[in-house]
PDB file of N, CA and C in Angstrom:
ATOM      1  N   MET A   1     104.806  60.619  66.018  1.00  0.00           N
ATOM      2  CA  MET A   1     105.328  62.209  66.355  1.00  0.00           C
ATOM      3  C   MET A   1     106.349  62.712  67.101  1.00  0.00           C
ATOM      4  N   ASP A   2     107.562  62.877  66.783  1.00  0.00           N
ATOM      5  CA  ASP A   2     108.580  63.487  67.540  1.00  0.00           C
ATOM      6  C   ASP A   2     108.603  64.491  68.628  1.00  0.00           C
ATOM      7  N   ARG A   3     108.854  63.866  69.157  1.00  0.00           N
ATOM      8  CA  ARG A   3     108.810  65.510  70.811  1.00  0.00           C
ATOM      9  C   ARG A   3     109.656  66.452  70.910  1.00  0.00           C
ATOM     10  N   LEU A   4     109.993  67.632  70.534  1.00  0.00           N
ATOM     11  CA  LEU A   4     110.003  69.003  70.787  1.00  0.00           C
ATOM     12  C   LEU A   4     111.247  68.650  72.383  1.00  0.00           C
ATOM     13  N   GLU A   5     112.219  68.479  72.162  1.00  0.00           N
ATOM     14  CA  GLU A   5     112.819  69.374  73.031  1.00  0.00           C
ATOM     15  C   GLU A   5     112.919  70.941  73.800  1.00  0.00           C
ATOM     16  N   ALA A   6     113.152  71.012  74.672  1.00  0.00           N
ATOM     17  CA  ALA A   6     112.785  71.921  74.993  1.00  0.00           C
ATOM     18  C   ALA A   6     114.144  72.745  74.962  1.00  0.00           C
ATOM     19  N   LEU A   7     114.707  73.409  74.756  1.00  0.00           N
ATOM     20  CA  LEU A   7     115.941  74.366  74.322  1.00  0.00           C
ATOM     21  C   LEU A   7     116.052  74.788  75.842  1.00  0.00           C
ATOM     22  N   PRO A   8     117.302  75.347  76.395  1.00  0.00           N
ATOM     23  CA  PRO A   8     117.610  76.210  77.395  1.00  0.00           C
ATOM     24  C   PRO A   8     117.094  77.724  77.417  1.00  0.00           C
ATOM     25  N   VAL A   9     116.743  78.412  77.891  1.00  0.00           N
ATOM     26  CA  VAL A   9     116.715  79.853  77.513  1.00  0.00           C
ATOM     27  C   VAL A   9     118.172  80.435  77.634  1.00  0.00           C
ATOM     28  N   ILE A  10     118.834  81.269  77.840  1.00  0.00           N
ATOM     29  CA  ILE A  10     119.870  82.159  77.845  1.00  0.00           C
ATOM     30  C   ILE A  10     119.002  83.572  78.462  1.00  0.00           C
ATOM     31  N   ASN A  11     119.191  84.157  79.737  1.00  0.00           N
ATOM     32  CA  ASN A  11     118.887  85.788  79.942  1.00  0.00           C
ATOM     33  C   ASN A  11     119.744  86.644  80.385  1.00  0.00           C
ATOM     34  N   GLN A  12     119.283  87.926  80.178  1.00  0.00           N
ATOM     35  CA  GLN A  12     119.703  88.830  80.766  1.00  0.00           C
ATOM     36  C   GLN A  12     119.241  89.032  81.799  1.00  0.00           C
ATOM     37  N   VAL A  13     118.573  88.839  82.386  1.00  0.00           N
ATOM     38  CA  VAL A  13     117.460  89.312  83.627  1.00  0.00           C
ATOM     39  C   VAL A  13     118.386  90.230  85.050  1.00  0.00           C
ATOM     40  N   ARG A  14     119.347  88.834  85.642  1.00  0.00           N
ATOM     41  CA  ARG A  14     120.443  89.320  86.205  1.00  0.00           C
ATOM     42  C   ARG A  14     121.439  90.358  85.243  1.00  0.00           C
ATOM     43  N   GLU A  15     121.363  90.785  85.085  1.00  0.00           N
ATOM     44  CA  GLU A  15     122.562  91.995  84.270  1.00  0.00           C
ATOM     45  C   GLU A  15     122.313  93.068  84.417  1.00  0.00           C
ATOM     46  N   ARG A  16     120.180  93.090  83.961  1.00  0.00           N
ATOM     47  CA  ARG A  16     119.933  94.286  83.231  1.00  0.00           C
ATOM     48  C   ARG A  16     119.058  94.510  84.738  1.00  0.00           C
ATOM     49  N   ARG A  17     119.003  93.654  85.494  1.00  0.00           N
ATOM     50  CA  ARG A  17     118.324  94.226  86.838  1.00  0.00           C
ATOM     51  C   ARG A  17     120.309  95.148  87.612  1.00  0.00           C
ATOM     52  N   SER A  18     121.295  94.472  87.749  1.00  0.00           N
ATOM     53  CA  SER A  18     122.171  94.459  87.627  1.00  0.00           C
ATOM     54  C   SER A  18     122.543  96.303  87.736  1.00  0.00           C
ATOM     55  N   GLN A  19     122.226  96.543  86.623  1.00  0.00           N
ATOM     56  CA  GLN A  19     122.219  97.556  86.313  1.00  0.00           C
ATOM     57  C   GLN A  19     121.216  98.373  86.804  1.00  0.00           C
ATOM     58  N   ARG A  20     120.709  98.455  87.236  1.00  0.00           N
ATOM     59  CA  ARG A  20     119.673  99.002  87.731  1.00  0.00           C
ATOM     60  C   ARG A  20     120.045  99.359  89.147  1.00  0.00           C
ATOM     61  N   GLY A  21     120.682  98.388  90.041  1.00  0.00           N
ATOM     62  CA  GLY A  21     121.061  98.500  91.764  1.00  0.00           C
ATOM     63  C   GLY A  21     119.815  97.735  92.570  1.00  0.00           C
ATOM     64  N   TRP A  22     118.898  97.150  91.806  1.00  0.00           N
ATOM     65  CA  TRP A  22     118.234  96.854  92.570  1.00  0.00           C
ATOM     66  C   TRP A  22     118.479  95.802  93.041  1.00  0.00           C
ATOM     67  N   SER A  23     118.504  95.049  93.808  1.00  0.00           N
ATOM     68  CA  SER A  23     118.704  93.682  94.911  1.00  0.00           C
ATOM     69  C   SER A  23     117.856  92.517  93.793  1.00  0.00           C
ATOM     70  N   GLN A  24     117.329  91.043  94.000  1.00  0.00           N
ATOM     71  CA  GLN A  24     116.494  90.095  93.358  1.00  0.00           C
ATOM     72  C   GLN A  24     115.332  90.722  94.413  1.00  0.00           C
ATOM     73  N   ALA A  25     114.975  90.649  95.752  1.00  0.00           N
ATOM     74  CA  ALA A  25     114.115  91.720  95.877  1.00  0.00           C
ATOM     75  C   ALA A  25     113.400  92.784  95.559  1.00  0.00           C
ATOM     76  N   ASP A  26     113.471  93.931  95.154  1.00  0.00           N
ATOM     77  CA  ASP A  26     113.125  94.930  94.712  1.00  0.00           C
ATOM     78  C   ASP A  26     113.191  94.358  93.912  1.00  0.00           C
ATOM     79  N   LEU A  27     112.830  93.970  93.046  1.00  0.00           N
ATOM     80  CA  LEU A  27     112.655  92.890  91.451  1.00  0.00           C
ATOM     81  C   LEU A  27     111.369  92.483  91.732  1.00  0.00           C
ATOM     82  N   ALA A  28     111.272  91.656  92.555  1.00  0.00           N
ATOM     83  CA  ALA A  28     110.567  90.213  93.281  1.00  0.00           C
ATOM     84  C   ALA A  28     109.581  91.472  93.637  1.00  0.00           C
ATOM     85  N   GLU A  29     109.241  92.214  94.036  1.00  0.00           N
ATOM     86  CA  GLU A  29     108.459  93.690  94.425  1.00  0.00           C
ATOM     87  C   GLU A  29     108.153  93.917  93.496  1.00  0.00           C
ATOM     88  N   ARG A  30     108.800  94.286  92.335  1.00  0.00           N
ATOM     89  CA  ARG A  30     108.234  94.972  91.214  1.00  0.00           C
ATOM     90  C   ARG A  30     107.597  94.104  90.622  1.00  0.00           C
ATOM     91  N   LEU A  31     107.817  92.910  90.530  1.00  0.00           N
ATOM     92  CA  LEU A  31     106.798  92.365  89.834  1.00  0.00           C
ATOM     93  C   LEU A  31     106.184  90.928  89.674  1.00  0.00           C
ATOM     94  N   GLY A  32     106.210  91.245  91.573  1.00  0.00           N
ATOM     95  CA  GLY A  32     104.803  90.732  92.559  1.00  0.00           C
ATOM     96  C   GLY A  32     104.723  89.186  92.562  1.00  0.00           C
ATOM     97  N   VAL A  33     105.631  88.763  92.252  1.00  0.00           N
ATOM     98  CA  VAL A  33     106.134  87.268  92.459  1.00  0.00           C
ATOM     99  C   VAL A  33     107.694  87.293  93.691  1.00  0.00           C
ATOM    100  N   SER A  34     107.863  85.983  94.315  1.00  0.00           N
ATOM    101  CA  SER A  34     108.882  85.609  94.773  1.00  0.00           C
ATOM    102  C   SER A  34     110.164  85.958  94.630  1.00  0.00           C
ATOM    103  N   ARG A  35     111.167  86.019  95.967  1.00  0.00           N
ATOM    104  CA  ARG A  35     112.585  86.616  95.650  1.00  0.00           C
ATOM    105  C   ARG A  35     113.132  84.800  94.357  1.00  0.00           C
ATOM    106  N   GLN A  36     112.397  84.189  95.153  1.00  0.00           N
ATOM    107  CA  GLN A  36     112.620  82.585  95.267  1.00  0.00           C
ATOM    108  C   GLN A  36     112.327  82.696  93.171  1.00  0.00           C
ATOM    109  N   THR A  37     111.455  83.238  92.965  1.00  0.00           N
ATOM    110  CA  THR A  37     111.013  82.905  91.273  1.00  0.00           C
ATOM    111  C   THR A  37     112.034  83.818  90.510  1.00  0.00           C
ATOM    112  N   VAL A  38     112.949  84.648  91.314  1.00  0.00           N
ATOM    113  CA  VAL A  38     113.435  85.716  90.510  1.00  0.00           C
ATOM    114  C   VAL A  38     114.651  85.035  90.175  1.00  0.00           C
ATOM    115  N   ASN A  39     115.268  84.292  91.057  1.00  0.00           N
ATOM    116  CA  ASN A  39     116.427  83.589  91.798  1.00  0.00           C
ATOM    117  C   ASN A  39     116.073  82.421  89.916  1.00  0.00           C
ATOM    118  N   ALA A  40     115.105  81.770  90.571  1.00  0.00           N
ATOM    119  CA  ALA A  40     115.165  80.492  89.571  1.00  0.00           C
ATOM    120  C   ALA A  40     115.442  81.021  88.121  1.00  0.00           C
ATOM    121  N   ILE A  41     114.989  82.571  88.122  1.00  0.00           N
ATOM    122  CA  ILE A  41     114.566  82.256  86.042  1.00  0.00           C
ATOM    123  C   ILE A  41     116.029  83.450  86.260  1.00  0.00           C
ATOM    124  N   GLU A  42     116.640  83.871  86.791  1.00  0.00           N
ATOM    125  CA  GLU A  42     118.138  84.585  86.740  1.00  0.00           C
ATOM    126  C   GLU A  42     119.053  83.196  86.226  1.00  0.00           C
ATOM    127  N   THR A  43     118.834  81.865  86.789  1.00  0.00           N
ATOM    128  CA  THR A  43     119.748  81.095  86.911  1.00  0.00           C
ATOM    129  C   THR A  43     119.364  80.321  85.767  1.00  0.00           C
ATOM    130  N   GLY A  44     118.489  80.762  84.879  1.00  0.00           N
ATOM    131  CA  GLY A  44     118.110  79.380  84.354  1.00  0.00           C
ATOM    132  C   GLY A  44     117.109  78.066  84.983  1.00  0.00           C
ATOM    133  N   ARG A  45     116.260  77.865  86.099  1.00  0.00           N
ATOM    134  CA  ARG A  45     115.748  76.965  86.403  1.00  0.00           C
ATOM    135  C   ARG A  45     114.797  77.166  86.479  1.00  0.00           C
ATOM    136  N   TYR A  46     114.025  78.403  85.509  1.00  0.00           N
ATOM    137  CA  TYR A  46     112.791  78.489  85.681  1.00  0.00           C
ATOM    138  C   TYR A  46     112.467  79.268  85.234  1.00  0.00           C
ATOM    139  N   ASP A  47     111.347  79.192  83.266  1.00  0.00           N
ATOM    140  CA  ASP A  47     111.653  80.089  82.433  1.00  0.00           C
ATOM    141  C   ASP A  47     110.690  80.686  82.988  1.00  0.00           C
ATOM    142  N   PRO A  48     110.027  81.946  82.186  1.00  0.00           N
ATOM    143  CA  PRO A  48     109.031  82.200  83.617  1.00  0.00           C
ATOM    144  C   PRO A  48     107.547  82.201  82.046  1.00  0.00           C
ATOM    145  N   SER A  49     106.809  82.534  82.770  1.00  0.00           N
ATOM    146  CA  SER A  49     105.437  82.635  81.633  1.00  0.00           C
ATOM    147  C   SER A  49     105.387  83.095  81.070  1.00  0.00           C
ATOM    148  N   LEU A  50     104.520  83.751  79.823  1.00  0.00           N
ATOM    149  CA  LEU A  50     104.561  84.816  78.070  1.00  0.00           C
ATOM    150  C   LEU A  50     104.326  86.368  79.040  1.00  0.00           C
ATOM    151  N   PRO A  51     102.978  86.415  80.125  1.00  0.00           N
ATOM    152  CA  PRO A  51     103.224  87.142  80.837  1.00  0.00           C
ATOM    153  C   PRO A  51     103.769  87.747  81.517  1.00  0.00           C
ATOM    154  N   LEU A  52     104.816  87.171  82.220  1.00  0.00           N
ATOM    155  CA  LEU A  52     105.461  87.427  83.357  1.00  0.00           C
ATOM    156  C   LEU A  52     106.789  87.632  82.717  1.00  0.00           C
ATOM    157  N   ALA A  53     107.351  86.967  81.020  1.00  0.00           N
ATOM    158  CA  ALA A  53     108.002  87.810  80.454  1.00  0.00           C
ATOM    159  C   ALA A  53     108.144  88.996  80.043  1.00  0.00           C
ATOM    160  N   PHE A  54     106.396  89.295  80.110  1.00  0.00           N
ATOM    161  CA  PHE A  54     106.647  90.536  79.019  1.00  0.00           C
ATOM    162  C   PHE A  54     106.381  92.064  80.378  1.00  0.00           C
ATOM    163  N   LYS A  55     106.321  91.213  81.299  1.00  0.00           N
ATOM    164  CA  LYS A  55     106.005  92.187  82.307  1.00  0.00           C
ATOM    165  C   LYS A  55     107.397  92.813  82.963  1.00  0.00           C
ATOM    166  N   ILE A  56     108.439  91.320  82.945  1.00  0.00           N
ATOM    167  CA  ILE A  56     109.821  92.047  83.103  1.00  0.00           C
ATOM    168  C   ILE A  56     110.476  92.383  81.820  1.00  0.00           C
ATOM    169  N   ALA A  57     109.859  92.427  80.708  1.00  0.00           N
ATOM    170  CA  ALA A  57     111.228  93.051  79.308  1.00  0.00           C
ATOM    171  C   ALA A  57     110.286  94.683  79.409  1.00  0.00           C
ATOM    172  N   ARG A  58     108.484  95.085  79.781  1.00  0.00           N
ATOM    173  CA  ARG A  58     108.316  96.181  80.076  1.00  0.00           C
ATOM    174  C   ARG A  58     108.736  96.926  81.289  1.00  0.00           C
ATOM    175  N   LEU A  59     109.120  96.525  82.288  1.00  0.00           N
ATOM    176  CA  LEU A  59     109.754  97.290  83.512  1.00  0.00           C
ATOM    177  C   LEU A  59     110.962  97.213  83.509  1.00  0.00           C
ATOM    178  N   PHE A  60     111.926  96.999  82.483  1.00  0.00           N
ATOM    179  CA  PHE A  60     113.608  96.723  82.303  1.00  0.00           C
ATOM    180  C   PHE A  60     113.124  97.521  80.485  1.00  0.00           C
ATOM    181  N   GLU A  61     112.334  98.349  79.712  1.00  0.00           N
ATOM    182  CA  GLU A  61     112.128  99.028  78.896  1.00  0.00           C
ATOM    183  C   GLU A  61     113.247  97.980  78.315  1.00  0.00           C
ATOM    184  N   ALA A  62     112.844  97.127  77.068  1.00  0.00           N
ATOM    185  CA  ALA A  62     113.095  96.217  76.429  1.00  0.00           C
ATOM    186  C   ALA A  62     112.313  95.724  75.849  1.00  0.00           C
ATOM    187  N   PRO A  63     112.858  95.040  74.176  1.00  0.00           N
ATOM    188  CA  PRO A  63     111.853  94.060  73.499  1.00  0.00           C
ATOM    189  C   PRO A  63     112.685  92.891  74.782  1.00  0.00           C
ATOM    190  N   ILE A  64     111.159  91.960  75.238  1.00  0.00           N
ATOM    191  CA  ILE A  64     111.553  90.182  75.312  1.00  0.00           C
ATOM    192  C   ILE A  64     112.952  89.827  74.218  1.00  0.00           C
ATOM    193  N   GLU A  65     112.895  89.975  73.305  1.00  0.00           N
ATOM    194  CA  GLU A  65     114.397  89.442  72.215  1.00  0.00           C
ATOM    195  C   GLU A  65     115.559  89.783  72.731  1.00  0.00           C
ATOM    196  N   ALA A  66     115.857  90.992  73.273  1.00  0.00           N
ATOM    197  CA  ALA A  66     116.427  91.191  73.726  1.00  0.00           C
ATOM    198  C   ALA A  66     116.867  90.861  75.591  1.00  0.00           C
ATOM    199  N   LEU A  67     116.044  89.867  76.362  1.00  0.00           N
ATOM    200  CA  LEU A  67     116.279  89.651  77.702  1.00  0.00           C
ATOM    201  C   LEU A  67     115.852  88.468  77.397  1.00  0.00           C
ATOM    202  N   PHE A  68     115.258  87.545  76.377  1.00  0.00           N
ATOM    203  CA  PHE A  68     115.583  85.861  76.652  1.00  0.00           C
ATOM    204  C   PHE A  68     115.512  85.580  74.852  1.00  0.00           C
ATOM    205  N   GLN A  69     116.895  84.630  74.856  1.00  0.00           N
ATOM    206  CA  GLN A  69     116.855  83.738  73.347  1.00  0.00           C
ATOM    207  C   GLN A  69     117.241  82.231  73.843  1.00  0.00           C
ATOM    208  N   ALA A  70     116.961  82.149  72.266  1.00  0.00           N
ATOM    209  CA  ALA A  70     117.258  80.413  72.614  1.00  0.00           C
ATOM    210  C   ALA A  70     118.992  80.689  72.209  1.00  0.00           C
ATOM    211  N   PRO A  71     119.837  79.255  72.965  1.00  0.00           N
ATOM    212  CA  PRO A  71     121.104  79.688  72.585  1.00  0.00           C
ATOM    213  C   PRO A  71     121.179  78.828  70.671  1.00  0.00           C
ATOM    214  N   ALA A  72     122.307  79.250  70.647  1.00  0.00           N
ATOM    215  CA  ALA A  72     122.491  79.171  69.117  1.00  0.00           C
ATOM    216  C   ALA A  72     122.412  77.512  68.909  1.00  0.00           C
ATOM    217  N   PRO A  73     122.611  77.329  67.254  1.00  0.00           N
ATOM    218  CA  PRO A  73     122.280  75.171  67.595  1.00  0.00           C
ATOM    219  C   PRO A  73     123.518  75.045  67.344  1.00  0.00           C
TER     220      PRO A  73
END
């Protein structure tokens, strides 16, 4: 059985955060995570868990698909 390779995820978290004038620390506090976690999500080094992705989407009042997308093949 072939293993599926994880695709890198493109996300709009940094852009949405900047639009609101929030620092990484501000967003981290609102999400209940560390600033380092926010940085890792924004730079693509860490994909958030599904519950955290939903929390981010709710916070930005956007559907998950608007924040996280797989790159085009």
